[in-house]
Amino acid sequence: MEIVLALIYGAAVGALAHFTLAGRDTRGSVLGPMAGAVAGAGIWALLTWLGVTTASAWLWIAAIVAPTVVVYVLLPVVANLRKTHDARERARLGIA
């Protein structure tokens, strides 16, 4: 049941990152929260399958660090990819 905490934290970090990082207009508003939730739940599930229990601090630390790292790396990459793609499309179509 504690996996829900990892989901909520990941979604909250993703929402915070969406509004604090540049390029908000180049990505959907759900990308950050979903990426954070998936990263939090994924690392939680992986570690529990490997035998780490909720009594271990490593599970909680990983559930906090993983979504933060994933979201703050993923969102700028997606924004840059979108800007590059849009610029190429404008040039191809002769709009720019």
C-alpha atoms as a PDB file:
ATOM      1  CA  MET A   1       0.000   0.000   0.000  1.00  0.00           C
ATOM      2  CA  GLU A   2       2.953   2.321   0.566  1.00  0.00           C
ATOM      3  CA  ILE A   3       3.579   2.353  -3.188  1.00  0.00           C
ATOM      4  CA  VAL A   4       0.831   4.963  -3.369  1.00  0.00           C
ATOM      5  CA  LEU A   5       3.157   7.345  -1.531  1.00  0.00           C
ATOM      6  CA  ALA A   6       5.764   6.875  -4.262  1.00  0.00           C
ATOM      7  CA  LEU A   7       3.094   7.542  -6.909  1.00  0.00           C
ATOM      8  CA  ILE A   8       1.870  10.705  -5.190  1.00  0.00           C
ATOM      9  CA  TYR A   9       5.369  12.039  -4.580  1.00  0.00           C
ATOM     10  CA  GLY A  10       6.405  11.331  -8.180  1.00  0.00           C
ATOM     11  CA  ALA A  11       3.333  13.075  -9.549  1.00  0.00           C
ATOM     12  CA  ALA A  12       3.875  16.075  -7.267  1.00  0.00           C
ATOM     13  CA  VAL A  13       7.513  16.413  -8.305  1.00  0.00           C
ATOM     14  CA  GLY A  14       6.493  16.124 -11.946  1.00  0.00           C
ATOM     15  CA  ALA A  15       3.878  18.841 -11.590  1.00  0.00           C
ATOM     16  CA  LEU A  16       6.361  21.099  -9.816  1.00  0.00           C
ATOM     17  CA  ALA A  17       8.958  20.504 -12.511  1.00  0.00           C
ATOM     18  CA  HIS A  18       6.450  21.249 -15.262  1.00  0.00           C
ATOM     19  CA  PHE A  19       5.763  24.686 -13.847  1.00  0.00           C
ATOM     20  CA  THR A  20       9.328  25.555 -12.820  1.00  0.00           C
ATOM     21  CA  LEU A  21      11.314  24.420 -15.861  1.00  0.00           C
ATOM     22  CA  ALA A  22      11.526  26.369 -19.091  1.00  0.00           C
ATOM     23  CA  GLY A  23       9.750  25.176 -22.220  1.00  0.00           C
ATOM     24  CA  ARG A  24       6.375  24.592 -20.614  1.00  0.00           C
ATOM     25  CA  ASP A  25       4.644  25.504 -23.878  1.00  0.00           C
ATOM     26  CA  THR A  26       6.433  22.705 -25.765  1.00  0.00           C
ATOM     27  CA  ARG A  27       5.140  19.755 -23.769  1.00  0.00           C
ATOM     28  CA  GLY A  28       1.872  18.534 -22.347  1.00  0.00           C
ATOM     29  CA  SER A  29       0.979  19.302 -18.772  1.00  0.00           C
ATOM     30  CA  VAL A  30       0.580  15.617 -17.923  1.00  0.00           C
ATOM     31  CA  LEU A  31       4.039  14.499 -19.061  1.00  0.00           C
ATOM     32  CA  GLY A  32       5.836  15.593 -15.888  1.00  0.00           C
ATOM     33  CA  PRO A  33       3.418  14.141 -13.345  1.00  0.00           C
ATOM     34  CA  MET A  34       3.074  10.892 -15.270  1.00  0.00           C
ATOM     35  CA  ALA A  35       6.832  10.475 -15.699  1.00  0.00           C
ATOM     36  CA  GLY A  36       7.353  11.114 -11.995  1.00  0.00           C
ATOM     37  CA  ALA A  37       4.621   8.713 -10.948  1.00  0.00           C
ATOM     38  CA  VAL A  38       5.901   5.971 -13.257  1.00  0.00           C
ATOM     39  CA  ALA A  39       9.484   6.463 -12.059  1.00  0.00           C
ATOM     40  CA  GLY A  40       8.458   6.391  -8.398  1.00  0.00           C
ATOM     41  CA  ALA A  41       6.256   3.349  -8.725  1.00  0.00           C
ATOM     42  CA  GLY A  42       8.750   1.608 -10.979  1.00  0.00           C
ATOM     43  CA  ILE A  43      11.693   1.952  -8.611  1.00  0.00           C
ATOM     44  CA  TRP A  44       9.476   1.005  -5.676  1.00  0.00           C
ATOM     45  CA  ALA A  45       8.246  -2.143  -7.420  1.00  0.00           C
ATOM     46  CA  LEU A  46      11.737  -3.082  -8.591  1.00  0.00           C
ATOM     47  CA  LEU A  47      13.272  -2.740  -5.163  1.00  0.00           C
ATOM     48  CA  THR A  48      10.468  -4.619  -3.412  1.00  0.00           C
ATOM     49  CA  TRP A  49      10.766  -7.432  -5.949  1.00  0.00           C
ATOM     50  CA  LEU A  50      14.474  -7.527  -5.134  1.00  0.00           C
ATOM     51  CA  GLY A  51      13.601  -8.040  -1.470  1.00  0.00           C
ATOM     52  CA  VAL A  52      14.013  -4.536  -0.040  1.00  0.00           C
ATOM     53  CA  THR A  53      11.361  -3.979   2.620  1.00  0.00           C
ATOM     54  CA  THR A  54       9.642  -0.789   3.720  1.00  0.00           C
ATOM     55  CA  ALA A  55      11.728  -0.887   6.891  1.00  0.00           C
ATOM     56  CA  SER A  56      14.794  -0.052   4.802  1.00  0.00           C
ATOM     57  CA  ALA A  57      15.676   3.582   4.277  1.00  0.00           C
ATOM     58  CA  TRP A  58      17.035   2.767   0.806  1.00  0.00           C
ATOM     59  CA  LEU A  59      13.547   2.095  -0.522  1.00  0.00           C
ATOM     60  CA  TRP A  60      12.306   5.475   0.662  1.00  0.00           C
ATOM     61  CA  ILE A  61      15.393   7.319  -0.558  1.00  0.00           C
ATOM     62  CA  ALA A  62      15.137   5.692  -3.985  1.00  0.00           C
ATOM     63  CA  ALA A  63      11.429   6.540  -4.162  1.00  0.00           C
ATOM     64  CA  ILE A  64      12.315  10.192  -3.599  1.00  0.00           C
ATOM     65  CA  VAL A  65      15.446  10.459  -5.741  1.00  0.00           C
ATOM     66  CA  ALA A  66      14.363   8.468  -8.815  1.00  0.00           C
ATOM     67  CA  PRO A  67      11.304  10.558  -9.789  1.00  0.00           C
ATOM     68  CA  THR A  68      13.200  13.771  -9.147  1.00  0.00           C
ATOM     69  CA  VAL A  69      16.108  12.775 -11.372  1.00  0.00           C
ATOM     70  CA  VAL A  70      13.918  11.328 -14.119  1.00  0.00           C
ATOM     71  CA  VAL A  71      11.608  14.325 -14.332  1.00  0.00           C
ATOM     72  CA  TYR A  72      14.290  17.007 -14.160  1.00  0.00           C
ATOM     73  CA  VAL A  73      16.272  15.240 -16.906  1.00  0.00           C
ATOM     74  CA  LEU A  74      13.358  14.218 -19.127  1.00  0.00           C
ATOM     75  CA  LEU A  75      11.421  17.481 -19.348  1.00  0.00           C
ATOM     76  CA  PRO A  76      14.269  19.677 -20.673  1.00  0.00           C
ATOM     77  CA  VAL A  77      15.215  16.979 -23.179  1.00  0.00           C
ATOM     78  CA  VAL A  78      11.648  16.765 -24.448  1.00  0.00           C
ATOM     79  CA  ALA A  79      11.394  20.557 -24.669  1.00  0.00           C
ATOM     80  CA  ASN A  80      14.635  20.797 -26.651  1.00  0.00           C
ATOM     81  CA  LEU A  81      13.606  17.985 -28.991  1.00  0.00           C
ATOM     82  CA  ARG A  82      10.297  19.701 -29.640  1.00  0.00           C
ATOM     83  CA  LYS A  83      11.917  23.068 -30.342  1.00  0.00           C
ATOM     84  CA  THR A  84      14.403  21.474 -32.732  1.00  0.00           C
ATOM     85  CA  HIS A  85      11.683  19.548 -34.532  1.00  0.00           C
ATOM     86  CA  ASP A  86       9.472  22.620 -34.849  1.00  0.00           C
ATOM     87  CA  ALA A  87      12.342  24.665 -36.272  1.00  0.00           C
ATOM     88  CA  ARG A  88      13.082  21.967 -38.877  1.00  0.00           C
ATOM     89  CA  GLU A  89       9.429  21.769 -39.841  1.00  0.00           C
ATOM     90  CA  ARG A  90       9.168  25.548 -40.218  1.00  0.00           C
ATOM     91  CA  ALA A  91      12.259  25.545 -42.434  1.00  0.00           C
ATOM     92  CA  ARG A  92      10.944  22.613 -44.490  1.00  0.00           C
ATOM     93  CA  LEU A  93       7.604  24.301 -45.009  1.00  0.00           C
ATOM     94  CA  GLY A  94       9.172  27.678 -45.707  1.00  0.00           C
ATOM     95  CA  ILE A  95       7.348  29.366 -42.838  1.00  0.00           C
ATOM     96  CA  ALA A  96      10.350  30.750 -40.955  1.00  0.00           C
END
